[in-house]
Amino acid sequence: MPPVSTAGRLLVATPPLVDENFDRTVVYVVDHDHAGAVGVVLNRPGAEPLPEPLDRWTPLLSDPGILYSGGPVAPEALLALGIARAGAESENLIIGRVRSVDLSADPALIAPDLDGLRVFTGYSGWGPGQLDGEITAGAWIVLDAKDEDLVDPVPRTLWRRVLARQTGRLAWLAEVPDDLSAN
């Protein structure tokens, strides 16, 4: 039986995820099929502004307007995702209003079609069956994404807020202390 795709959904790390790259992360899954999965960490803002010549995109960045660490794979690679403006004709749609953005394009031509933009260094990647195994093992909770999760203005608290908006016992995880020994 083929895996169920998590594309367009969120992976929320269960506490504590042993891999420090993903502890308390929220990952937006861009693609997931039989060949593997690709996503970006939404709640790891960096400290760097966009480098030249990409700084021409800075006015379109959602607050805080900095580079984000999308994951440990290919940290030199840049990946841009945006929210397509409602009603705009938009190419490169992934799921819903989330779309990939070509950073070699002219920002002035793209701006009218965007409600928000994030640029990530690196990405999160899984080989064939790897993500499915991690989900089955309980390392990730798969949840529905909201478009605004991608461009959340307070990314460091996104993990707790995504969990808190869930129902039942799942919402309780939002209150798990960072240091489990303090529980």
N, C-alpha and C. Protein backbone atom coordinates (compact mmCIF):
# COMPACT_ATOMS: atom_id res chain seq x y z
N MET A 1 0.85 -1.18 0.00
CA MET A 1 0.00 0.00 0.00
C MET A 1 0.89 1.24 0.00
N PRO A 2 0.67 2.19 -0.93
CA PRO A 2 1.51 3.39 -0.99
C PRO A 2 1.29 4.28 0.23
N PRO A 3 2.30 5.07 0.59
CA PRO A 3 2.16 5.96 1.74
C PRO A 3 1.12 7.04 1.47
N VAL A 4 0.52 7.55 2.52
CA VAL A 4 -0.40 8.67 2.40
C VAL A 4 0.43 9.94 2.37
N SER A 5 0.24 10.75 1.37
CA SER A 5 1.03 11.97 1.22
C SER A 5 0.70 12.97 2.31
N THR A 6 1.74 13.59 2.85
CA THR A 6 1.56 14.66 3.82
C THR A 6 1.80 16.03 3.17
N ALA A 7 1.93 16.08 1.85
CA ALA A 7 2.18 17.34 1.15
C ALA A 7 1.11 18.37 1.50
N GLY A 8 1.55 19.59 1.81
CA GLY A 8 0.62 20.65 2.17
C GLY A 8 0.17 20.60 3.61
N ARG A 9 0.73 19.70 4.38
CA ARG A 9 0.36 19.58 5.79
C ARG A 9 1.57 19.90 6.66
N LEU A 10 1.34 19.95 7.95
CA LEU A 10 2.42 20.23 8.90
C LEU A 10 2.87 18.96 9.58
N LEU A 11 4.17 18.88 9.80
CA LEU A 11 4.74 17.86 10.67
C LEU A 11 5.13 18.59 11.95
N VAL A 12 4.57 18.18 13.07
CA VAL A 12 4.88 18.80 14.35
C VAL A 12 5.67 17.78 15.14
N ALA A 13 6.90 18.14 15.52
CA ALA A 13 7.78 17.22 16.23
C ALA A 13 7.20 16.90 17.61
N THR A 14 7.23 15.62 17.97
CA THR A 14 6.77 15.24 19.31
C THR A 14 7.92 15.47 20.30
N PRO A 15 7.58 15.86 21.51
CA PRO A 15 8.65 16.13 22.48
C PRO A 15 9.08 14.86 23.19
N PRO A 16 10.33 14.68 23.47
CA PRO A 16 11.44 15.35 22.81
C PRO A 16 11.88 14.53 21.62
N LEU A 17 12.01 15.13 20.47
CA LEU A 17 12.54 14.45 19.30
C LEU A 17 14.05 14.43 19.46
N VAL A 18 14.65 13.27 19.40
CA VAL A 18 16.07 13.11 19.71
C VAL A 18 16.97 13.92 18.77
N ASP A 19 16.60 14.07 17.53
CA ASP A 19 17.41 14.81 16.56
C ASP A 19 17.29 16.31 16.83
N GLU A 20 18.39 16.94 17.24
CA GLU A 20 18.37 18.37 17.58
C GLU A 20 17.99 19.25 16.41
N ASN A 21 18.15 18.76 15.18
CA ASN A 21 17.73 19.53 14.01
C ASN A 21 16.22 19.74 13.98
N PHE A 22 15.48 18.86 14.65
CA PHE A 22 14.03 18.90 14.55
C PHE A 22 13.30 19.02 15.89
N ASP A 23 14.01 19.16 16.99
CA ASP A 23 13.36 19.28 18.29
C ASP A 23 12.43 20.49 18.31
N ARG A 24 11.16 20.26 18.60
CA ARG A 24 10.12 21.29 18.70
C ARG A 24 9.95 22.08 17.40
N THR A 25 10.08 21.41 16.29
CA THR A 25 9.91 22.09 15.01
C THR A 25 8.52 21.87 14.43
N VAL A 26 8.18 22.78 13.53
CA VAL A 26 6.99 22.66 12.70
C VAL A 26 7.50 22.70 11.26
N VAL A 27 7.25 21.62 10.53
CA VAL A 27 7.74 21.50 9.16
C VAL A 27 6.55 21.54 8.21
N TYR A 28 6.64 22.41 7.22
CA TYR A 28 5.65 22.43 6.15
C TYR A 28 6.14 21.48 5.07
N VAL A 29 5.33 20.48 4.72
CA VAL A 29 5.73 19.49 3.72
C VAL A 29 5.37 20.01 2.33
N VAL A 30 6.39 20.18 1.51
CA VAL A 30 6.22 20.69 0.16
C VAL A 30 5.86 19.56 -0.80
N ASP A 31 6.48 18.39 -0.62
CA ASP A 31 6.25 17.25 -1.51
C ASP A 31 6.46 15.97 -0.74
N HIS A 32 5.63 14.96 -1.02
CA HIS A 32 5.75 13.65 -0.37
C HIS A 32 5.12 12.61 -1.28
N ASP A 33 5.96 11.70 -1.76
CA ASP A 33 5.48 10.62 -2.60
C ASP A 33 6.35 9.39 -2.38
N HIS A 34 6.26 8.41 -3.27
CA HIS A 34 7.01 7.16 -3.11
C HIS A 34 8.53 7.37 -3.11
N ALA A 35 9.00 8.49 -3.68
CA ALA A 35 10.44 8.76 -3.76
C ALA A 35 10.99 9.43 -2.50
N GLY A 36 10.11 9.89 -1.62
CA GLY A 36 10.55 10.55 -0.39
C GLY A 36 9.73 11.80 -0.12
N ALA A 37 10.28 12.66 0.73
CA ALA A 37 9.56 13.87 1.12
C ALA A 37 10.53 15.03 1.26
N VAL A 38 9.99 16.23 1.04
CA VAL A 38 10.74 17.47 1.18
C VAL A 38 9.85 18.47 1.91
N GLY A 39 10.45 19.19 2.84
CA GLY A 39 9.72 20.22 3.57
C GLY A 39 10.67 21.28 4.07
N VAL A 40 10.10 22.28 4.75
CA VAL A 40 10.90 23.34 5.35
C VAL A 40 10.44 23.58 6.78
N VAL A 41 11.41 23.83 7.66
CA VAL A 41 11.11 24.15 9.05
C VAL A 41 10.60 25.59 9.09
N LEU A 42 9.43 25.78 9.67
CA LEU A 42 8.82 27.11 9.70
C LEU A 42 9.22 27.94 10.90
N ASN A 43 9.71 27.30 11.95
CA ASN A 43 9.94 28.04 13.19
C ASN A 43 11.41 28.12 13.61
N ARG A 44 12.30 28.23 12.64
CA ARG A 44 13.72 28.43 12.91
C ARG A 44 14.24 29.65 12.15
N PRO A 45 13.85 30.86 12.61
CA PRO A 45 14.38 32.04 11.94
C PRO A 45 15.86 32.16 12.18
N GLY A 46 16.56 32.64 11.19
CA GLY A 46 17.98 32.88 11.34
C GLY A 46 18.21 34.31 11.82
N ALA A 47 19.39 34.81 11.59
CA ALA A 47 19.70 36.18 11.99
C ALA A 47 20.15 37.01 10.80
N GLU A 48 20.23 36.38 9.63
CA GLU A 48 20.79 37.02 8.46
C GLU A 48 19.70 37.59 7.55
N PRO A 49 19.96 38.79 7.00
CA PRO A 49 19.08 39.30 5.96
C PRO A 49 19.38 38.58 4.65
N LEU A 50 18.57 38.80 3.65
CA LEU A 50 18.83 38.22 2.34
C LEU A 50 20.13 38.79 1.77
N PRO A 51 20.98 37.93 1.22
CA PRO A 51 22.23 38.43 0.64
C PRO A 51 21.97 39.09 -0.71
N GLU A 52 22.94 39.90 -1.15
CA GLU A 52 22.86 40.46 -2.51
C GLU A 52 23.00 39.33 -3.50
N PRO A 53 22.39 39.32 -4.60
CA PRO A 53 21.44 40.28 -5.16
C PRO A 53 20.00 39.99 -4.77
N LEU A 54 19.80 39.03 -3.87
CA LEU A 54 18.44 38.66 -3.48
C LEU A 54 17.79 39.67 -2.55
N ASP A 55 18.57 40.62 -2.05
CA ASP A 55 18.02 41.62 -1.14
C ASP A 55 16.92 42.46 -1.80
N ARG A 56 16.81 42.39 -3.12
CA ARG A 56 15.72 43.10 -3.81
C ARG A 56 14.36 42.51 -3.45
N TRP A 57 14.34 41.29 -2.87
CA TRP A 57 13.11 40.64 -2.41
C TRP A 57 12.73 41.06 -0.99
N THR A 58 13.62 41.72 -0.29
CA THR A 58 13.40 42.07 1.12
C THR A 58 12.06 42.77 1.37
N PRO A 59 11.65 43.73 0.55
CA PRO A 59 10.35 44.39 0.82
C PRO A 59 9.16 43.43 0.79
N LEU A 60 9.30 42.29 0.14
CA LEU A 60 8.18 41.33 0.05
C LEU A 60 8.18 40.31 1.18
N LEU A 61 9.27 40.24 1.95
CA LEU A 61 9.36 39.25 3.02
C LEU A 61 8.36 39.53 4.13
N SER A 62 7.77 38.48 4.64
CA SER A 62 6.89 38.60 5.80
C SER A 62 7.75 38.81 7.04
N ASP A 63 7.21 39.56 8.00
CA ASP A 63 7.95 39.79 9.25
C ASP A 63 8.11 38.50 10.03
N PRO A 64 9.25 38.29 10.67
CA PRO A 64 10.46 39.08 10.54
C PRO A 64 11.16 38.77 9.22
N GLY A 65 11.60 39.80 8.54
CA GLY A 65 12.14 39.69 7.18
C GLY A 65 13.58 39.23 7.12
N ILE A 66 13.81 37.99 7.48
CA ILE A 66 15.15 37.40 7.50
C ILE A 66 15.12 36.04 6.83
N LEU A 67 16.29 35.45 6.66
CA LEU A 67 16.39 34.08 6.16
C LEU A 67 15.99 33.11 7.26
N TYR A 68 15.40 32.00 6.87
CA TYR A 68 15.01 30.95 7.80
C TYR A 68 15.83 29.70 7.51
N SER A 69 16.09 28.92 8.54
CA SER A 69 16.76 27.63 8.34
C SER A 69 15.68 26.60 8.03
N GLY A 70 15.62 26.18 6.77
CA GLY A 70 14.59 25.24 6.34
C GLY A 70 14.88 23.81 6.72
N GLY A 71 16.13 23.52 7.09
CA GLY A 71 16.51 22.18 7.49
C GLY A 71 17.97 21.92 7.21
N PRO A 72 18.41 20.73 7.60
CA PRO A 72 19.84 20.44 7.52
C PRO A 72 20.35 20.00 6.15
N VAL A 73 19.47 19.76 5.19
CA VAL A 73 19.89 19.29 3.87
C VAL A 73 20.22 20.49 2.99
N ALA A 74 21.36 20.45 2.33
CA ALA A 74 21.81 21.48 1.38
C ALA A 74 21.65 22.89 1.96
N PRO A 75 22.35 23.20 3.06
CA PRO A 75 22.19 24.52 3.69
C PRO A 75 22.57 25.69 2.79
N GLU A 76 23.27 25.43 1.71
CA GLU A 76 23.63 26.51 0.78
C GLU A 76 22.50 26.80 -0.22
N ALA A 77 21.52 25.92 -0.30
CA ALA A 77 20.41 26.08 -1.23
C ALA A 77 19.38 27.06 -0.65
N LEU A 78 18.73 27.80 -1.53
CA LEU A 78 17.66 28.71 -1.12
C LEU A 78 16.34 28.23 -1.71
N LEU A 79 15.31 28.26 -0.90
CA LEU A 79 13.97 27.87 -1.32
C LEU A 79 13.02 28.96 -0.87
N ALA A 80 12.21 29.48 -1.77
CA ALA A 80 11.27 30.55 -1.44
C ALA A 80 9.85 30.04 -1.60
N LEU A 81 9.05 30.30 -0.57
CA LEU A 81 7.63 29.94 -0.60
C LEU A 81 6.81 31.17 -0.27
N GLY A 82 5.70 31.31 -0.94
CA GLY A 82 4.84 32.45 -0.69
C GLY A 82 3.39 32.05 -0.61
N ILE A 83 2.59 32.99 -0.19
CA ILE A 83 1.14 32.81 -0.14
C ILE A 83 0.56 33.59 -1.32
N ALA A 84 -0.11 32.89 -2.21
CA ALA A 84 -0.73 33.55 -3.36
C ALA A 84 -1.91 34.39 -2.89
N ARG A 85 -1.99 35.59 -3.39
CA ARG A 85 -3.09 36.47 -3.04
C ARG A 85 -4.40 35.84 -3.51
N ALA A 86 -5.44 35.94 -2.71
CA ALA A 86 -6.74 35.39 -3.06
C ALA A 86 -7.20 35.97 -4.40
N GLY A 87 -7.60 35.11 -5.29
CA GLY A 87 -8.10 35.53 -6.59
C GLY A 87 -7.02 35.78 -7.63
N ALA A 88 -5.75 35.73 -7.22
CA ALA A 88 -4.67 35.97 -8.19
C ALA A 88 -4.42 34.71 -9.01
N GLU A 89 -4.14 34.90 -10.28
CA GLU A 89 -3.72 33.79 -11.12
C GLU A 89 -2.33 33.42 -10.64
N SER A 90 -2.12 32.20 -10.22
CA SER A 90 -0.82 31.88 -9.66
C SER A 90 -0.28 30.58 -10.21
N GLU A 91 0.95 30.67 -10.71
CA GLU A 91 1.66 29.48 -11.14
C GLU A 91 2.37 28.89 -9.93
N ASN A 92 2.86 27.69 -10.08
CA ASN A 92 3.68 27.05 -9.06
C ASN A 92 2.95 26.80 -7.75
N LEU A 93 1.64 26.61 -7.78
CA LEU A 93 0.91 26.30 -6.56
C LEU A 93 1.32 24.93 -6.06
N ILE A 94 1.47 24.82 -4.75
CA ILE A 94 1.79 23.54 -4.13
C ILE A 94 0.51 22.93 -3.59
N ILE A 95 -0.03 23.53 -2.57
CA ILE A 95 -1.31 23.11 -1.98
C ILE A 95 -2.00 24.38 -1.50
N GLY A 96 -3.30 24.49 -1.72
CA GLY A 96 -4.01 25.68 -1.28
C GLY A 96 -3.44 26.91 -1.96
N ARG A 97 -3.08 27.91 -1.15
CA ARG A 97 -2.52 29.15 -1.70
C ARG A 97 -1.00 29.20 -1.59
N VAL A 98 -0.38 28.14 -1.07
CA VAL A 98 1.08 28.12 -0.95
C VAL A 98 1.69 27.82 -2.31
N ARG A 99 2.68 28.61 -2.67
CA ARG A 99 3.33 28.45 -3.97
C ARG A 99 4.83 28.62 -3.83
N SER A 100 5.57 28.01 -4.75
CA SER A 100 7.00 28.25 -4.80
C SER A 100 7.22 29.55 -5.56
N VAL A 101 8.30 30.25 -5.20
CA VAL A 101 8.61 31.53 -5.82
C VAL A 101 10.00 31.44 -6.43
N ASP A 102 10.09 31.80 -7.69
CA ASP A 102 11.36 31.80 -8.42
C ASP A 102 12.12 33.08 -8.09
N LEU A 103 13.21 32.95 -7.33
CA LEU A 103 13.97 34.11 -6.90
C LEU A 103 14.77 34.76 -8.03
N SER A 104 14.82 34.11 -9.20
CA SER A 104 15.50 34.74 -10.34
C SER A 104 14.55 35.66 -11.11
N ALA A 105 13.27 35.63 -10.74
CA ALA A 105 12.27 36.49 -11.40
C ALA A 105 12.38 37.93 -10.87
N ASP A 106 11.67 38.81 -11.51
CA ASP A 106 11.62 40.21 -11.09
C ASP A 106 10.59 40.33 -9.95
N PRO A 107 11.02 40.76 -8.75
CA PRO A 107 10.08 40.88 -7.63
C PRO A 107 8.89 41.79 -7.94
N ALA A 108 9.10 42.81 -8.75
CA ALA A 108 8.00 43.73 -9.08
C ALA A 108 6.88 43.02 -9.83
N LEU A 109 7.23 41.99 -10.61
CA LEU A 109 6.21 41.25 -11.35
C LEU A 109 5.49 40.24 -10.46
N ILE A 110 6.14 39.76 -9.42
CA ILE A 110 5.58 38.75 -8.52
C ILE A 110 4.76 39.39 -7.40
N ALA A 111 5.18 40.57 -6.93
CA ALA A 111 4.59 41.24 -5.77
C ALA A 111 3.06 41.33 -5.80
N PRO A 112 2.44 41.69 -6.92
CA PRO A 112 0.97 41.82 -6.91
C PRO A 112 0.24 40.50 -6.63
N ASP A 113 0.92 39.40 -6.81
CA ASP A 113 0.28 38.09 -6.63
C ASP A 113 0.54 37.47 -5.26
N LEU A 114 1.32 38.14 -4.38
CA LEU A 114 1.71 37.55 -3.11
C LEU A 114 1.12 38.27 -1.90
N ASP A 115 0.72 37.47 -0.91
CA ASP A 115 0.31 38.00 0.39
C ASP A 115 1.40 37.80 1.43
N GLY A 116 2.45 37.10 1.10
CA GLY A 116 3.55 36.88 2.03
C GLY A 116 4.62 36.03 1.38
N LEU A 117 5.86 36.16 1.88
CA LEU A 117 6.99 35.43 1.30
C LEU A 117 7.97 35.07 2.40
N ARG A 118 8.50 33.84 2.32
CA ARG A 118 9.58 33.40 3.20
C ARG A 118 10.66 32.78 2.34
N VAL A 119 11.93 32.99 2.73
CA VAL A 119 13.06 32.39 2.03
C VAL A 119 13.80 31.54 3.05
N PHE A 120 14.08 30.31 2.66
CA PHE A 120 14.71 29.32 3.54
C PHE A 120 16.07 28.91 2.99
N THR A 121 17.04 28.74 3.90
CA THR A 121 18.32 28.15 3.53
C THR A 121 18.23 26.68 3.90
N GLY A 122 18.49 25.83 2.95
CA GLY A 122 18.39 24.39 3.19
C GLY A 122 16.95 23.94 3.27
N TYR A 123 16.80 22.64 3.43
CA TYR A 123 15.47 22.06 3.52
C TYR A 123 15.54 20.78 4.34
N SER A 124 14.40 20.23 4.62
CA SER A 124 14.29 18.96 5.34
C SER A 124 13.93 17.90 4.31
N GLY A 125 14.66 16.80 4.31
CA GLY A 125 14.42 15.77 3.31
C GLY A 125 14.42 14.38 3.89
N TRP A 126 13.61 13.52 3.32
CA TRP A 126 13.50 12.13 3.73
C TRP A 126 13.55 11.24 2.50
N GLY A 127 14.24 10.13 2.59
CA GLY A 127 14.31 9.17 1.50
C GLY A 127 13.03 8.36 1.41
N PRO A 128 12.95 7.45 0.43
CA PRO A 128 11.75 6.62 0.26
C PRO A 128 11.38 5.89 1.55
N GLY A 129 10.16 6.09 2.01
CA GLY A 129 9.65 5.41 3.19
C GLY A 129 10.16 5.94 4.52
N GLN A 130 11.17 6.81 4.52
CA GLN A 130 11.76 7.28 5.78
C GLN A 130 10.77 8.10 6.61
N LEU A 131 10.12 9.07 6.01
CA LEU A 131 9.16 9.89 6.76
C LEU A 131 8.00 9.04 7.25
N ASP A 132 7.53 8.13 6.41
CA ASP A 132 6.42 7.26 6.80
C ASP A 132 6.79 6.47 8.05
N GLY A 133 8.04 5.97 8.09
CA GLY A 133 8.51 5.23 9.25
C GLY A 133 8.59 6.10 10.49
N GLU A 134 9.05 7.35 10.33
CA GLU A 134 9.14 8.26 11.47
C GLU A 134 7.75 8.62 12.00
N ILE A 135 6.79 8.79 11.12
CA ILE A 135 5.42 9.08 11.55
C ILE A 135 4.85 7.88 12.29
N THR A 136 5.05 6.69 11.75
CA THR A 136 4.57 5.47 12.40
C THR A 136 5.20 5.28 13.78
N ALA A 137 6.48 5.65 13.90
CA ALA A 137 7.20 5.52 15.17
C ALA A 137 6.79 6.59 16.19
N GLY A 138 6.00 7.58 15.77
CA GLY A 138 5.52 8.60 16.69
C GLY A 138 6.41 9.83 16.80
N ALA A 139 7.36 10.01 15.89
CA ALA A 139 8.25 11.17 15.96
C ALA A 139 7.55 12.45 15.49
N TRP A 140 6.54 12.31 14.65
CA TRP A 140 5.83 13.44 14.09
C TRP A 140 4.33 13.30 14.26
N ILE A 141 3.67 14.42 14.47
CA ILE A 141 2.21 14.50 14.43
C ILE A 141 1.89 15.23 13.13
N VAL A 142 1.04 14.66 12.32
CA VAL A 142 0.66 15.27 11.04
C VAL A 142 -0.64 16.05 11.26
N LEU A 143 -0.59 17.36 10.98
CA LEU A 143 -1.73 18.24 11.21
C LEU A 143 -2.01 19.09 9.98
N ASP A 144 -3.23 19.57 9.90
CA ASP A 144 -3.58 20.46 8.80
C ASP A 144 -2.85 21.78 8.97
N ALA A 145 -2.41 22.33 7.86
CA ALA A 145 -1.73 23.62 7.85
C ALA A 145 -2.74 24.72 7.55
N LYS A 146 -2.45 25.89 8.08
CA LYS A 146 -3.16 27.10 7.68
C LYS A 146 -2.16 27.89 6.85
N ASP A 147 -2.62 28.57 5.83
CA ASP A 147 -1.71 29.35 4.98
C ASP A 147 -0.86 30.29 5.82
N GLU A 148 -1.46 30.89 6.83
CA GLU A 148 -0.71 31.86 7.63
C GLU A 148 0.41 31.23 8.47
N ASP A 149 0.40 29.92 8.65
CA ASP A 149 1.51 29.26 9.36
C ASP A 149 2.83 29.51 8.65
N LEU A 150 2.78 29.52 7.33
CA LEU A 150 4.00 29.71 6.53
C LEU A 150 4.65 31.05 6.79
N VAL A 151 3.87 32.08 7.03
CA VAL A 151 4.40 33.43 7.20
C VAL A 151 4.10 33.99 8.59
N ASP A 152 4.00 33.12 9.58
CA ASP A 152 3.68 33.52 10.94
C ASP A 152 4.69 34.57 11.45
N PRO A 153 4.20 35.69 12.01
CA PRO A 153 5.11 36.74 12.44
C PRO A 153 5.87 36.44 13.74
N VAL A 154 5.46 35.41 14.47
CA VAL A 154 6.14 35.04 15.72
C VAL A 154 6.51 33.55 15.62
N PRO A 155 7.47 33.22 14.75
CA PRO A 155 7.74 31.81 14.46
C PRO A 155 8.26 31.00 15.65
N ARG A 156 8.94 31.61 16.59
CA ARG A 156 9.53 30.84 17.71
C ARG A 156 8.47 30.20 18.59
N THR A 157 7.24 30.71 18.58
CA THR A 157 6.16 30.12 19.40
C THR A 157 5.17 29.30 18.57
N LEU A 158 5.48 29.10 17.30
CA LEU A 158 4.56 28.41 16.40
C LEU A 158 4.28 26.98 16.85
N TRP A 159 5.30 26.25 17.33
CA TRP A 159 5.11 24.86 17.75
C TRP A 159 4.01 24.76 18.81
N ARG A 160 4.10 25.58 19.84
CA ARG A 160 3.09 25.55 20.91
C ARG A 160 1.72 26.00 20.40
N ARG A 161 1.68 27.02 19.56
CA ARG A 161 0.40 27.52 19.08
C ARG A 161 -0.30 26.55 18.13
N VAL A 162 0.46 25.86 17.28
CA VAL A 162 -0.15 24.87 16.39
C VAL A 162 -0.77 23.74 17.22
N LEU A 163 -0.05 23.30 18.24
CA LEU A 163 -0.60 22.25 19.10
C LEU A 163 -1.80 22.76 19.90
N ALA A 164 -1.72 23.96 20.43
CA ALA A 164 -2.80 24.52 21.26
C ALA A 164 -4.11 24.66 20.48
N ARG A 165 -4.06 24.83 19.17
CA ARG A 165 -5.29 24.99 18.40
C ARG A 165 -5.96 23.66 18.08
N GLN A 166 -5.34 22.55 18.49
CA GLN A 166 -5.92 21.23 18.26
C GLN A 166 -6.95 20.94 19.35
N THR A 167 -7.69 19.87 19.18
CA THR A 167 -8.70 19.51 20.17
C THR A 167 -8.21 18.34 21.02
N GLY A 168 -8.84 18.17 22.16
CA GLY A 168 -8.58 17.03 23.02
C GLY A 168 -7.18 16.98 23.59
N ARG A 169 -6.70 15.77 23.78
CA ARG A 169 -5.40 15.56 24.43
C ARG A 169 -4.22 16.10 23.63
N LEU A 170 -4.38 16.18 22.34
CA LEU A 170 -3.30 16.70 21.51
C LEU A 170 -2.94 18.13 21.91
N ALA A 171 -3.93 18.93 22.28
CA ALA A 171 -3.69 20.31 22.71
C ALA A 171 -2.86 20.36 23.99
N TRP A 172 -2.91 19.32 24.80
CA TRP A 172 -2.13 19.29 26.04
C TRP A 172 -0.63 19.36 25.77
N LEU A 173 -0.20 18.81 24.65
CA LEU A 173 1.24 18.82 24.33
C LEU A 173 1.81 20.23 24.26
N ALA A 174 0.97 21.21 23.97
CA ALA A 174 1.44 22.59 23.89
C ALA A 174 2.03 23.06 25.21
N GLU A 175 1.63 22.43 26.29
CA GLU A 175 2.09 22.84 27.63
C GLU A 175 3.26 22.02 28.15
N VAL A 176 3.76 21.08 27.37
CA VAL A 176 4.91 20.27 27.80
C VAL A 176 6.09 21.20 28.00
N PRO A 177 6.76 21.12 29.18
CA PRO A 177 7.91 22.01 29.41
C PRO A 177 9.07 21.66 28.48
N ASP A 178 9.89 22.69 28.19
CA ASP A 178 11.07 22.48 27.35
C ASP A 178 12.00 21.45 27.98
N ASP A 179 12.16 21.50 29.28
CA ASP A 179 12.99 20.56 30.01
C ASP A 179 12.06 19.54 30.67
N LEU A 180 11.99 18.34 30.12
CA LEU A 180 11.05 17.33 30.61
C LEU A 180 11.34 16.93 32.06
N SER A 181 12.56 17.10 32.53
CA SER A 181 12.88 16.76 33.93
C SER A 181 12.25 17.76 34.90
N ALA A 182 11.81 18.92 34.38
CA ALA A 182 11.14 19.91 35.22
C ALA A 182 9.66 19.63 35.37
N ASN A 183 9.17 18.58 34.75
CA ASN A 183 7.76 18.24 34.77
C ASN A 183 7.34 17.67 36.09
